[in-house]
PDB file of N, CA and C in Angstrom:
ATOM      1  N   MET A   1      -6.537 -40.796   6.550  1.00  0.00           N
ATOM      2  CA  MET A   1      -6.084 -39.451   6.222  1.00  0.00           C
ATOM      3  C   MET A   1      -6.750 -39.031   4.909  1.00  0.00           C
ATOM      4  N   SER A   2      -7.572 -37.977   4.958  1.00  0.00           N
ATOM      5  CA  SER A   2      -8.281 -37.523   3.764  1.00  0.00           C
ATOM      6  C   SER A   2      -7.725 -36.173   3.310  1.00  0.00           C
ATOM      7  N   LEU A   3      -8.161 -35.737   2.137  1.00  0.00           N
ATOM      8  CA  LEU A   3      -7.698 -34.463   1.591  1.00  0.00           C
ATOM      9  C   LEU A   3      -8.185 -33.269   2.397  1.00  0.00           C
ATOM     10  N   SER A   4      -9.235 -33.441   3.183  1.00  0.00           N
ATOM     11  CA  SER A   4      -9.750 -32.332   3.987  1.00  0.00           C
ATOM     12  C   SER A   4      -9.152 -32.304   5.392  1.00  0.00           C
ATOM     13  N   ASP A   5      -8.265 -33.215   5.690  1.00  0.00           N
ATOM     14  CA  ASP A   5      -7.585 -33.236   6.983  1.00  0.00           C
ATOM     15  C   ASP A   5      -6.751 -31.952   7.109  1.00  0.00           C
ATOM     16  N   PRO A   6      -6.826 -31.253   8.221  1.00  0.00           N
ATOM     17  CA  PRO A   6      -6.102 -29.982   8.359  1.00  0.00           C
ATOM     18  C   PRO A   6      -4.598 -30.089   8.112  1.00  0.00           C
ATOM     19  N   TRP A   7      -3.976 -31.187   8.510  1.00  0.00           N
ATOM     20  CA  TRP A   7      -2.535 -31.332   8.286  1.00  0.00           C
ATOM     21  C   TRP A   7      -2.210 -31.486   6.811  1.00  0.00           C
ATOM     22  N   VAL A   8      -3.061 -32.164   6.076  1.00  0.00           N
ATOM     23  CA  VAL A   8      -2.849 -32.315   4.629  1.00  0.00           C
ATOM     24  C   VAL A   8      -2.995 -30.965   3.936  1.00  0.00           C
ATOM     25  N   VAL A   9      -4.023 -30.220   4.334  1.00  0.00           N
ATOM     26  CA  VAL A   9      -4.237 -28.896   3.753  1.00  0.00           C
ATOM     27  C   VAL A   9      -3.069 -27.976   4.092  1.00  0.00           C
ATOM     28  N   LEU A  10      -2.610 -28.013   5.339  1.00  0.00           N
ATOM     29  CA  LEU A  10      -1.484 -27.183   5.755  1.00  0.00           C
ATOM     30  C   LEU A  10      -0.224 -27.517   4.957  1.00  0.00           C
ATOM     31  N   LEU A  11       0.094 -28.784   4.817  1.00  0.00           N
ATOM     32  CA  LEU A  11       1.274 -29.184   4.048  1.00  0.00           C
ATOM     33  C   LEU A  11       1.150 -28.809   2.577  1.00  0.00           C
ATOM     34  N   ALA A  12      -0.049 -28.941   2.014  1.00  0.00           N
ATOM     35  CA  ALA A  12      -0.259 -28.537   0.615  1.00  0.00           C
ATOM     36  C   ALA A  12      -0.048 -27.035   0.444  1.00  0.00           C
ATOM     37  N   CYS A  13      -0.541 -26.251   1.391  1.00  0.00           N
ATOM     38  CA  CYS A  13      -0.343 -24.795   1.319  1.00  0.00           C
ATOM     39  C   CYS A  13       1.124 -24.422   1.451  1.00  0.00           C
ATOM     40  N   ILE A  14       1.817 -25.067   2.376  1.00  0.00           N
ATOM     41  CA  ILE A  14       3.254 -24.803   2.543  1.00  0.00           C
ATOM     42  C   ILE A  14       4.007 -25.179   1.275  1.00  0.00           C
ATOM     43  N   GLY A  15       3.686 -26.336   0.726  1.00  0.00           N
ATOM     44  CA  GLY A  15       4.345 -26.771  -0.507  1.00  0.00           C
ATOM     45  C   GLY A  15       4.082 -25.823  -1.661  1.00  0.00           C
ATOM     46  N   GLY A  16       2.830 -25.396  -1.808  1.00  0.00           N
ATOM     47  CA  GLY A  16       2.496 -24.462  -2.884  1.00  0.00           C
ATOM     48  C   GLY A  16       3.205 -23.130  -2.737  1.00  0.00           C
ATOM     49  N   THR A  17       3.311 -22.649  -1.517  1.00  0.00           N
ATOM     50  CA  THR A  17       4.004 -21.383  -1.277  1.00  0.00           C
ATOM     51  C   THR A  17       5.482 -21.490  -1.625  1.00  0.00           C
ATOM     52  N   PHE A  18       6.122 -22.556  -1.170  1.00  0.00           N
ATOM     53  CA  PHE A  18       7.554 -22.694  -1.429  1.00  0.00           C
ATOM     54  C   PHE A  18       7.864 -22.973  -2.891  1.00  0.00           C
ATOM     55  N   VAL A  19       6.973 -23.654  -3.585  1.00  0.00           N
ATOM     56  CA  VAL A  19       7.187 -23.894  -5.023  1.00  0.00           C
ATOM     57  C   VAL A  19       7.228 -22.561  -5.768  1.00  0.00           C
ATOM     58  N   TRP A  20       6.257 -21.676  -5.500  1.00  0.00           N
ATOM     59  CA  TRP A  20       6.232 -20.392  -6.199  1.00  0.00           C
ATOM     60  C   TRP A  20       7.395 -19.506  -5.789  1.00  0.00           C
ATOM     61  N   ARG A  21       7.792 -19.572  -4.537  1.00  0.00           N
ATOM     62  CA  ARG A  21       8.957 -18.791  -4.104  1.00  0.00           C
ATOM     63  C   ARG A  21      10.227 -19.287  -4.781  1.00  0.00           C
ATOM     64  N   ALA A  22      10.389 -20.589  -4.881  1.00  0.00           N
ATOM     65  CA  ALA A  22      11.571 -21.148  -5.543  1.00  0.00           C
ATOM     66  C   ALA A  22      11.589 -20.759  -7.017  1.00  0.00           C
ATOM     67  N   LEU A  23      10.444 -20.830  -7.674  1.00  0.00           N
ATOM     68  CA  LEU A  23      10.377 -20.403  -9.073  1.00  0.00           C
ATOM     69  C   LEU A  23      10.701 -18.916  -9.206  1.00  0.00           C
ATOM     70  N   GLY A  24      10.238 -18.104  -8.258  1.00  0.00           N
ATOM     71  CA  GLY A  24      10.546 -16.680  -8.276  1.00  0.00           C
ATOM     72  C   GLY A  24      12.031 -16.409  -8.145  1.00  0.00           C
ATOM     73  N   VAL A  25      12.690 -17.148  -7.271  1.00  0.00           N
ATOM     74  CA  VAL A  25      14.142 -16.996  -7.099  1.00  0.00           C
ATOM     75  C   VAL A  25      14.876 -17.424  -8.365  1.00  0.00           C
ATOM     76  N   ALA A  26      14.424 -18.511  -8.968  1.00  0.00           N
ATOM     77  CA  ALA A  26      15.085 -19.007 -10.184  1.00  0.00           C
ATOM     78  C   ALA A  26      14.910 -18.029 -11.354  1.00  0.00           C
ATOM     79  N   VAL A  27      13.749 -17.405 -11.455  1.00  0.00           N
ATOM     80  CA  VAL A  27      13.474 -16.502 -12.575  1.00  0.00           C
ATOM     81  C   VAL A  27      14.062 -15.116 -12.324  1.00  0.00           C
ATOM     82  N   ALA A  28      14.136 -14.698 -11.069  1.00  0.00           N
ATOM     83  CA  ALA A  28      14.580 -13.338 -10.743  1.00  0.00           C
ATOM     84  C   ALA A  28      15.984 -13.042 -11.264  1.00  0.00           C
ATOM     85  N   SER A  29      16.851 -14.018 -11.267  1.00  0.00           N
ATOM     86  CA  SER A  29      18.218 -13.766 -11.729  1.00  0.00           C
ATOM     87  C   SER A  29      18.283 -13.574 -13.244  1.00  0.00           C
ATOM     88  N   ARG A  30      17.240 -13.936 -13.950  1.00  0.00           N
ATOM     89  CA  ARG A  30      17.231 -13.818 -15.410  1.00  0.00           C
ATOM     90  C   ARG A  30      16.464 -12.598 -15.920  1.00  0.00           C
ATOM     91  N   ILE A  31      15.895 -11.808 -15.010  1.00  0.00           N
ATOM     92  CA  ILE A  31      15.098 -10.646 -15.412  1.00  0.00           C
ATOM     93  C   ILE A  31      16.007  -9.447 -15.624  1.00  0.00           C
ATOM     94  N   ASP A  32      15.825  -8.790 -16.759  1.00  0.00           N
ATOM     95  CA  ASP A  32      16.566  -7.569 -17.066  1.00  0.00           C
ATOM     96  C   ASP A  32      15.746  -6.384 -16.545  1.00  0.00           C
ATOM     97  N   ILE A  33      16.214  -5.768 -15.449  1.00  0.00           N
ATOM     98  CA  ILE A  33      15.418  -4.709 -14.821  1.00  0.00           C
ATOM     99  C   ILE A  33      15.360  -3.438 -15.658  1.00  0.00           C
ATOM    100  N   SER A  34      16.202  -3.315 -16.648  1.00  0.00           N
ATOM    101  CA  SER A  34      16.135  -2.143 -17.522  1.00  0.00           C
ATOM    102  C   SER A  34      15.349  -2.441 -18.798  1.00  0.00           C
ATOM    103  N   GLY A  35      14.799  -3.629 -18.908  1.00  0.00           N
ATOM    104  CA  GLY A  35      14.029  -4.003 -20.091  1.00  0.00           C
ATOM    105  C   GLY A  35      12.638  -3.398 -20.105  1.00  0.00           C
ATOM    106  N   ASN A  36      12.042  -3.380 -21.283  1.00  0.00           N
ATOM    107  CA  ASN A  36      10.728  -2.775 -21.455  1.00  0.00           C
ATOM    108  C   ASN A  36       9.631  -3.530 -20.707  1.00  0.00           C
ATOM    109  N   VAL A  37       9.702  -4.845 -20.686  1.00  0.00           N
ATOM    110  CA  VAL A  37       8.664  -5.632 -20.015  1.00  0.00           C
ATOM    111  C   VAL A  37       8.681  -5.355 -18.513  1.00  0.00           C
ATOM    112  N   PHE A  38       9.865  -5.330 -17.920  1.00  0.00           N
ATOM    113  CA  PHE A  38       9.962  -5.056 -16.488  1.00  0.00           C
ATOM    114  C   PHE A  38       9.482  -3.645 -16.177  1.00  0.00           C
ATOM    115  N   GLN A  39       9.850  -2.687 -17.004  1.00  0.00           N
ATOM    116  CA  GLN A  39       9.402  -1.308 -16.808  1.00  0.00           C
ATOM    117  C   GLN A  39       7.884  -1.201 -16.909  1.00  0.00           C
ATOM    118  N   TRP A  40       7.285  -1.958 -17.830  1.00  0.00           N
ATOM    119  CA  TRP A  40       5.825  -1.945 -17.980  1.00  0.00           C
ATOM    120  C   TRP A  40       5.162  -2.492 -16.723  1.00  0.00           C
ATOM    121  N   PHE A  41       5.653  -3.627 -16.197  1.00  0.00           N
ATOM    122  CA  PHE A  41       5.094  -4.188 -14.969  1.00  0.00           C
ATOM    123  C   PHE A  41       5.253  -3.217 -13.801  1.00  0.00           C
ATOM    124  N   ASN A  42       6.378  -2.539 -13.748  1.00  0.00           N
ATOM    125  CA  ASN A  42       6.619  -1.556 -12.703  1.00  0.00           C
ATOM    126  C   ASN A  42       5.596  -0.419 -12.790  1.00  0.00           C
ATOM    127  N   CYS A  43       5.347   0.081 -13.984  1.00  0.00           N
ATOM    128  CA  CYS A  43       4.370   1.151 -14.174  1.00  0.00           C
ATOM    129  C   CYS A  43       2.960   0.688 -13.812  1.00  0.00           C
ATOM    130  N   VAL A  44       2.607  -0.524 -14.196  1.00  0.00           N
ATOM    131  CA  VAL A  44       1.279  -1.055 -13.864  1.00  0.00           C
ATOM    132  C   VAL A  44       1.127  -1.181 -12.350  1.00  0.00           C
ATOM    133  N   ALA A  45       2.165  -1.639 -11.668  1.00  0.00           N
ATOM    134  CA  ALA A  45       2.104  -1.780 -10.215  1.00  0.00           C
ATOM    135  C   ALA A  45       1.912  -0.419  -9.545  1.00  0.00           C
ATOM    136  N   TYR A  46       2.651   0.589  -9.992  1.00  0.00           N
ATOM    137  CA  TYR A  46       2.494   1.920  -9.417  1.00  0.00           C
ATOM    138  C   TYR A  46       1.119   2.505  -9.727  1.00  0.00           C
ATOM    139  N   ALA A  47       0.608   2.270 -10.922  1.00  0.00           N
ATOM    140  CA  ALA A  47      -0.718   2.774 -11.282  1.00  0.00           C
ATOM    141  C   ALA A  47      -1.804   2.126 -10.425  1.00  0.00           C
ATOM    142  N   MET A  48      -1.694   0.813 -10.188  1.00  0.00           N
ATOM    143  CA  MET A  48      -2.670   0.137  -9.338  1.00  0.00           C
ATOM    144  C   MET A  48      -2.601   0.665  -7.905  1.00  0.00           C
ATOM    145  N   LEU A  49      -1.398   0.875  -7.406  1.00  0.00           N
ATOM    146  CA  LEU A  49      -1.231   1.406  -6.059  1.00  0.00           C
ATOM    147  C   LEU A  49      -1.815   2.813  -5.954  1.00  0.00           C
ATOM    148  N   ALA A  50      -1.554   3.646  -6.945  1.00  0.00           N
ATOM    149  CA  ALA A  50      -2.097   5.005  -6.939  1.00  0.00           C
ATOM    150  C   ALA A  50      -3.626   4.976  -6.996  1.00  0.00           C
ATOM    151  N   GLY A  51      -4.179   4.081  -7.792  1.00  0.00           N
ATOM    152  CA  GLY A  51      -5.632   3.959  -7.873  1.00  0.00           C
ATOM    153  C   GLY A  51      -6.244   3.509  -6.563  1.00  0.00           C
ATOM    154  N   LEU A  52      -5.622   2.547  -5.909  1.00  0.00           N
ATOM    155  CA  LEU A  52      -6.137   2.060  -4.625  1.00  0.00           C
ATOM    156  C   LEU A  52      -6.051   3.132  -3.542  1.00  0.00           C
ATOM    157  N   ILE A  53      -4.945   3.850  -3.500  1.00  0.00           N
ATOM    158  CA  ILE A  53      -4.799   4.909  -2.513  1.00  0.00           C
ATOM    159  C   ILE A  53      -5.816   6.013  -2.769  1.00  0.00           C
ATOM    160  N   THR A  54      -6.010   6.385  -4.017  1.00  0.00           N
ATOM    161  CA  THR A  54      -6.988   7.405  -4.366  1.00  0.00           C
ATOM    162  C   THR A  54      -8.387   6.980  -3.972  1.00  0.00           C
ATOM    163  N   ARG A  55      -8.711   5.719  -4.221  1.00  0.00           N
ATOM    164  CA  ARG A  55     -10.038   5.227  -3.849  1.00  0.00           C
ATOM    165  C   ARG A  55     -10.238   5.255  -2.340  1.00  0.00           C
ATOM    166  N   VAL A  56      -9.225   4.834  -1.590  1.00  0.00           N
ATOM    167  CA  VAL A  56      -9.330   4.829  -0.134  1.00  0.00           C
ATOM    168  C   VAL A  56      -9.488   6.255   0.393  1.00  0.00           C
ATOM    169  N   LEU A  57      -8.799   7.202  -0.198  1.00  0.00           N
ATOM    170  CA  LEU A  57      -8.860   8.578   0.296  1.00  0.00           C
ATOM    171  C   LEU A  57     -10.113   9.316  -0.143  1.00  0.00           C
ATOM    172  N   LEU A  58     -10.559   9.104  -1.361  1.00  0.00           N
ATOM    173  CA  LEU A  58     -11.692   9.868  -1.887  1.00  0.00           C
ATOM    174  C   LEU A  58     -13.029   9.147  -1.782  1.00  0.00           C
ATOM    175  N   ILE A  59     -13.027   7.826  -1.761  1.00  0.00           N
ATOM    176  CA  ILE A  59     -14.260   7.045  -1.636  1.00  0.00           C
ATOM    177  C   ILE A  59     -14.043   5.991  -0.544  1.00  0.00           C
ATOM    178  N   PRO A  60     -13.860   6.425   0.691  1.00  0.00           N
ATOM    179  CA  PRO A  60     -13.539   5.465   1.760  1.00  0.00           C
ATOM    180  C   PRO A  60     -14.753   4.663   2.201  1.00  0.00           C
ATOM    181  N   SER A  61     -14.487   3.613   2.921  1.00  0.00           N
ATOM    182  CA  SER A  61     -15.557   2.814   3.520  1.00  0.00           C
ATOM    183  C   SER A  61     -15.215   2.593   4.985  1.00  0.00           C
ATOM    184  N   GLY A  62     -16.201   2.172   5.740  1.00  0.00           N
ATOM    185  CA  GLY A  62     -15.982   1.895   7.151  1.00  0.00           C
ATOM    186  C   GLY A  62     -15.794   3.163   7.962  1.00  0.00           C
ATOM    187  N   THR A  63     -14.951   3.085   8.965  1.00  0.00           N
ATOM    188  CA  THR A  63     -14.729   4.206   9.882  1.00  0.00           C
ATOM    189  C   THR A  63     -14.113   5.401   9.170  1.00  0.00           C
ATOM    190  N   LEU A  64     -13.270   5.149   8.200  1.00  0.00           N
ATOM    191  CA  LEU A  64     -12.636   6.245   7.464  1.00  0.00           C
ATOM    192  C   LEU A  64     -13.664   7.101   6.734  1.00  0.00           C
ATOM    193  N   ALA A  65     -14.798   6.514   6.349  1.00  0.00           N
ATOM    194  CA  ALA A  65     -15.847   7.267   5.655  1.00  0.00           C
ATOM    195  C   ALA A  65     -16.494   8.299   6.569  1.00  0.00           C
ATOM    196  N   GLU A  66     -16.352   8.129   7.875  1.00  0.00           N
ATOM    197  CA  GLU A  66     -16.940   9.068   8.821  1.00  0.00           C
ATOM    198  C   GLU A  66     -16.095  10.328   8.993  1.00  0.00           C
ATOM    199  N   THR A  67     -14.867  10.322   8.506  1.00  0.00           N
ATOM    200  CA  THR A  67     -14.010  11.504   8.620  1.00  0.00           C
ATOM    201  C   THR A  67     -14.315  12.456   7.473  1.00  0.00           C
ATOM    202  N   PRO A  68     -14.151  13.765   7.708  1.00  0.00           N
ATOM    203  CA  PRO A  68     -14.416  14.740   6.643  1.00  0.00           C
ATOM    204  C   PRO A  68     -13.426  14.591   5.480  1.00  0.00           C
ATOM    205  N   ASP A  69     -13.939  14.824   4.277  1.00  0.00           N
ATOM    206  CA  ASP A  69     -13.089  14.747   3.081  1.00  0.00           C
ATOM    207  C   ASP A  69     -11.905  15.698   3.179  1.00  0.00           C
ATOM    208  N   ILE A  70     -12.140  16.886   3.706  1.00  0.00           N
ATOM    209  CA  ILE A  70     -11.082  17.888   3.754  1.00  0.00           C
ATOM    210  C   ILE A  70      -9.904  17.428   4.609  1.00  0.00           C
ATOM    211  N   ASP A  71     -10.162  16.662   5.663  1.00  0.00           N
ATOM    212  CA  ASP A  71      -9.063  16.155   6.494  1.00  0.00           C
ATOM    213  C   ASP A  71      -8.198  15.171   5.718  1.00  0.00           C
ATOM    214  N   ARG A  72      -8.843  14.256   5.001  1.00  0.00           N
ATOM    215  CA  ARG A  72      -8.077  13.275   4.219  1.00  0.00           C
ATOM    216  C   ARG A  72      -7.306  13.954   3.104  1.00  0.00           C
ATOM    217  N   ILE A  73      -7.934  14.904   2.428  1.00  0.00           N
ATOM    218  CA  ILE A  73      -7.272  15.594   1.318  1.00  0.00           C
ATOM    219  C   ILE A  73      -6.136  16.479   1.832  1.00  0.00           C
ATOM    220  N   ALA A  74      -6.344  17.148   2.965  1.00  0.00           N
ATOM    221  CA  ALA A  74      -5.284  17.992   3.540  1.00  0.00           C
ATOM    222  C   ALA A  74      -4.083  17.153   3.956  1.00  0.00           C
ATOM    223  N   ALA A  75      -4.327  16.013   4.584  1.00  0.00           N
ATOM    224  CA  ALA A  75      -3.225  15.141   4.995  1.00  0.00           C
ATOM    225  C   ALA A  75      -2.476  14.613   3.778  1.00  0.00           C
ATOM    226  N   MET A  76      -3.215  14.213   2.742  1.00  0.00           N
ATOM    227  CA  MET A  76      -2.584  13.712   1.529  1.00  0.00           C
ATOM    228  C   MET A  76      -1.752  14.811   0.868  1.00  0.00           C
ATOM    229  N   THR A  77      -2.289  16.011   0.798  1.00  0.00           N
ATOM    230  CA  THR A  77      -1.576  17.129   0.176  1.00  0.00           C
ATOM    231  C   THR A  77      -0.323  17.492   0.976  1.00  0.00           C
ATOM    232  N   GLY A  78      -0.458  17.554   2.294  1.00  0.00           N
ATOM    233  CA  GLY A  78       0.705  17.853   3.131  1.00  0.00           C
ATOM    234  C   GLY A  78       1.792  16.806   2.993  1.00  0.00           C
ATOM    235  N   GLY A  79       1.397  15.538   2.981  1.00  0.00           N
ATOM    236  CA  GLY A  79       2.376  14.468   2.796  1.00  0.00           C
ATOM    237  C   GLY A  79       3.061  14.537   1.445  1.00  0.00           C
ATOM    238  N   LEU A  80       2.308  14.889   0.412  1.00  0.00           N
ATOM    239  CA  LEU A  80       2.878  14.991  -0.933  1.00  0.00           C
ATOM    240  C   LEU A  80       3.874  16.150  -1.028  1.00  0.00           C
ATOM    241  N   ILE A  81       3.524  17.268  -0.406  1.00  0.00           N
ATOM    242  CA  ILE A  81       4.440  18.417  -0.413  1.00  0.00           C
ATOM    243  C   ILE A  81       5.739  18.072   0.307  1.00  0.00           C
ATOM    244  N   ILE A  82       5.629  17.459   1.477  1.00  0.00           N
ATOM    245  CA  ILE A  82       6.828  17.069   2.230  1.00  0.00           C
ATOM    246  C   ILE A  82       7.624  16.013   1.475  1.00  0.00           C
ATOM    247  N   TYR A  83       6.936  15.102   0.803  1.00  0.00           N
ATOM    248  CA  TYR A  83       7.605  14.075  -0.013  1.00  0.00           C
ATOM    249  C   TYR A  83       8.530  14.719  -1.037  1.00  0.00           C
ATOM    250  N   PHE A  84       8.033  15.726  -1.751  1.00  0.00           N
ATOM    251  CA  PHE A  84       8.871  16.386  -2.758  1.00  0.00           C
ATOM    252  C   PHE A  84       9.908  17.297  -2.108  1.00  0.00           C
ATOM    253  N   PHE A  85       9.570  17.916  -0.992  1.00  0.00           N
ATOM    254  CA  PHE A  85      10.490  18.815  -0.318  1.00  0.00           C
ATOM    255  C   PHE A  85      11.717  18.070   0.205  1.00  0.00           C
ATOM    256  N   TYR A  86      11.547  16.846   0.645  1.00  0.00           N
ATOM    257  CA  TYR A  86      12.645  16.034   1.165  1.00  0.00           C
ATOM    258  C   TYR A  86      13.154  15.025   0.120  1.00  0.00           C
ATOM    259  N   ASN A  87      13.317  15.480  -1.094  1.00  0.00           N
ATOM    260  CA  ASN A  87      13.920  14.699  -2.178  1.00  0.00           C
ATOM    261  C   ASN A  87      13.243  13.343  -2.400  1.00  0.00           C
ATOM    262  N   ARG A  88      11.929  13.356  -2.444  1.00  0.00           N
ATOM    263  CA  ARG A  88      11.120  12.166  -2.716  1.00  0.00           C
ATOM    264  C   ARG A  88      11.365  11.032  -1.718  1.00  0.00           C
ATOM    265  N   ASN A  89      11.431  11.392  -0.459  1.00  0.00           N
ATOM    266  CA  ASN A  89      11.584  10.403   0.603  1.00  0.00           C
ATOM    267  C   ASN A  89      10.198   9.907   1.001  1.00  0.00           C
ATOM    268  N   ILE A  90       9.887   8.674   0.616  1.00  0.00           N
ATOM    269  CA  ILE A  90       8.552   8.124   0.814  1.00  0.00           C
ATOM    270  C   ILE A  90       8.210   7.967   2.286  1.00  0.00           C
ATOM    271  N   PHE A  91       9.190   7.666   3.118  1.00  0.00           N
ATOM    272  CA  PHE A  91       8.929   7.464   4.547  1.00  0.00           C
ATOM    273  C   PHE A  91       8.558   8.773   5.244  1.00  0.00           C
ATOM    274  N   ILE A  92       9.277   9.831   4.925  1.00  0.00           N
ATOM    275  CA  ILE A  92       8.971  11.131   5.535  1.00  0.00           C
ATOM    276  C   ILE A  92       7.620  11.642   5.031  1.00  0.00           C
ATOM    277  N   GLY A  93       7.351  11.484   3.739  1.00  0.00           N
ATOM    278  CA  GLY A  93       6.068  11.924   3.191  1.00  0.00           C
ATOM    279  C   GLY A  93       4.894  11.169   3.775  1.00  0.00           C
ATOM    280  N   THR A  94       5.017   9.845   3.870  1.00  0.00           N
ATOM    281  CA  THR A  94       3.938   9.027   4.427  1.00  0.00           C
ATOM    282  C   THR A  94       3.755   9.310   5.913  1.00  0.00           C
ATOM    283  N   GLY A  95       4.851   9.430   6.629  1.00  0.00           N
ATOM    284  CA  GLY A  95       4.770   9.742   8.052  1.00  0.00           C
ATOM    285  C   GLY A  95       4.127  11.096   8.308  1.00  0.00           C
ATOM    286  N   THR A  96       4.468  12.077   7.491  1.00  0.00           N
ATOM    287  CA  THR A  96       3.873  13.402   7.621  1.00  0.00           C
ATOM    288  C   THR A  96       2.373  13.349   7.373  1.00  0.00           C
ATOM    289  N   ALA A  97       1.953  12.641   6.323  1.00  0.00           N
ATOM    290  CA  ALA A  97       0.524  12.524   6.024  1.00  0.00           C
ATOM    291  C   ALA A  97      -0.207  11.839   7.174  1.00  0.00           C
ATOM    292  N   PHE A  98       0.384  10.799   7.728  1.00  0.00           N
ATOM    293  CA  PHE A  98      -0.228  10.080   8.840  1.00  0.00           C
ATOM    294  C   PHE A  98      -0.376  10.980  10.065  1.00  0.00           C
ATOM    295  N   VAL A  99       0.705  11.666  10.449  1.00  0.00           N
ATOM    296  CA  VAL A  99       0.670  12.525  11.631  1.00  0.00           C
ATOM    297  C   VAL A  99      -0.293  13.689  11.424  1.00  0.00           C
ATOM    298  N   LEU A 100      -0.299  14.262  10.232  1.00  0.00           N
ATOM    299  CA  LEU A 100      -1.207  15.366   9.941  1.00  0.00           C
ATOM    300  C   LEU A 100      -2.666  14.911  10.027  1.00  0.00           C
ATOM    301  N   PHE A 101      -2.967  13.740   9.470  1.00  0.00           N
ATOM    302  CA  PHE A 101      -4.337  13.215   9.549  1.00  0.00           C
ATOM    303  C   PHE A 101      -4.715  12.924  11.001  1.00  0.00           C
ATOM    304  N   LEU A 102      -3.786  12.370  11.750  1.00  0.00           N
ATOM    305  CA  LEU A 102      -4.028  12.074  13.156  1.00  0.00           C
ATOM    306  C   LEU A 102      -4.305  13.362  13.934  1.00  0.00           C
ATOM    307  N   CYS A 103      -3.526  14.399  13.675  1.00  0.00           N
ATOM    308  CA  CYS A 103      -3.729  15.680  14.364  1.00  0.00           C
ATOM    309  C   CYS A 103      -5.060  16.315  13.983  1.00  0.00           C
ATOM    310  N   LEU A 104      -5.418  16.276  12.713  1.00  0.00           N
ATOM    311  CA  LEU A 104      -6.698  16.839  12.281  1.00  0.00           C
ATOM    312  C   LEU A 104      -7.872  16.085  12.908  1.00  0.00           C
ATOM    313  N   THR A 105      -7.765  14.763  12.947  1.00  0.00           N
ATOM    314  CA  THR A 105      -8.828  13.953  13.553  1.00  0.00           C
ATOM    315  C   THR A 105      -8.937  14.236  15.043  1.00  0.00           C
ATOM    316  N   ALA A 106      -7.804  14.336  15.727  1.00  0.00           N
ATOM    317  CA  ALA A 106      -7.814  14.631  17.165  1.00  0.00           C
ATOM    318  C   ALA A 106      -8.370  16.023  17.418  1.00  0.00           C
ATOM    319  N   ALA A 107      -7.992  16.985  16.571  1.00  0.00           N
ATOM    320  CA  ALA A 107      -8.488  18.356  16.738  1.00  0.00           C
ATOM    321  C   ALA A 107     -10.008  18.408  16.573  1.00  0.00           C
ATOM    322  N   ARG A 108     -10.547  17.659  15.633  1.00  0.00           N
ATOM    323  CA  ARG A 108     -12.013  17.605  15.462  1.00  0.00           C
ATOM    324  C   ARG A 108     -12.665  16.912  16.642  1.00  0.00           C
ATOM    325  N   HIS A 109     -12.037  15.866  17.122  1.00  0.00           N
ATOM    326  CA  HIS A 109     -12.600  15.128  18.256  1.00  0.00           C
ATOM    327  C   HIS A 109     -12.685  15.988  19.519  1.00  0.00           C
ATOM    328  N   PHE A 110     -11.652  16.797  19.757  1.00  0.00           N
ATOM    329  CA  PHE A 110     -11.626  17.633  20.943  1.00  0.00           C
ATOM    330  C   PHE A 110     -12.262  19.012  20.732  1.00  0.00           C
ATOM    331  N   GLY A 111     -12.872  19.222  19.564  1.00  0.00           N
ATOM    332  CA  GLY A 111     -13.603  20.468  19.300  1.00  0.00           C
ATOM    333  C   GLY A 111     -12.737  21.650  18.950  1.00  0.00           C
ATOM    334  N   ILE A 112     -11.497  21.448  18.602  1.00  0.00           N
ATOM    335  CA  ILE A 112     -10.606  22.532  18.233  1.00  0.00           C
ATOM    336  C   ILE A 112     -10.935  23.043  16.828  1.00  0.00           C
ATOM    337  N   LEU A 113     -11.312  22.156  15.949  1.00  0.00           N
ATOM    338  CA  LEU A 113     -11.701  22.531  14.570  1.00  0.00           C
ATOM    339  C   LEU A 113     -13.197  22.464  14.406  1.00  0.00           C
TER     340      LEU A 113
END
């Protein structure tokens, strides 16, 4: 049995995953969610997410790059408007953006736009 044996690697990965999860559970009960450090991490996470979404929408790669910019921007804008209109409901806003983008793409495909 060597270190490159698939079962050894699998068990090491499982062990590593559970160790970090256990440490996360142990530390989570001691975190003050209203503290400055937690708020800073929260802001950094949202900023990274906003940056990634912006990059995907404005500088896409792959199949998404073949769609017109105006379709992606219109879907994003429509989703954002609905998000605020429905009291910042992320599910309704995201769903609206998805359906709007899908409709715009289908309309272009069938020659409607």
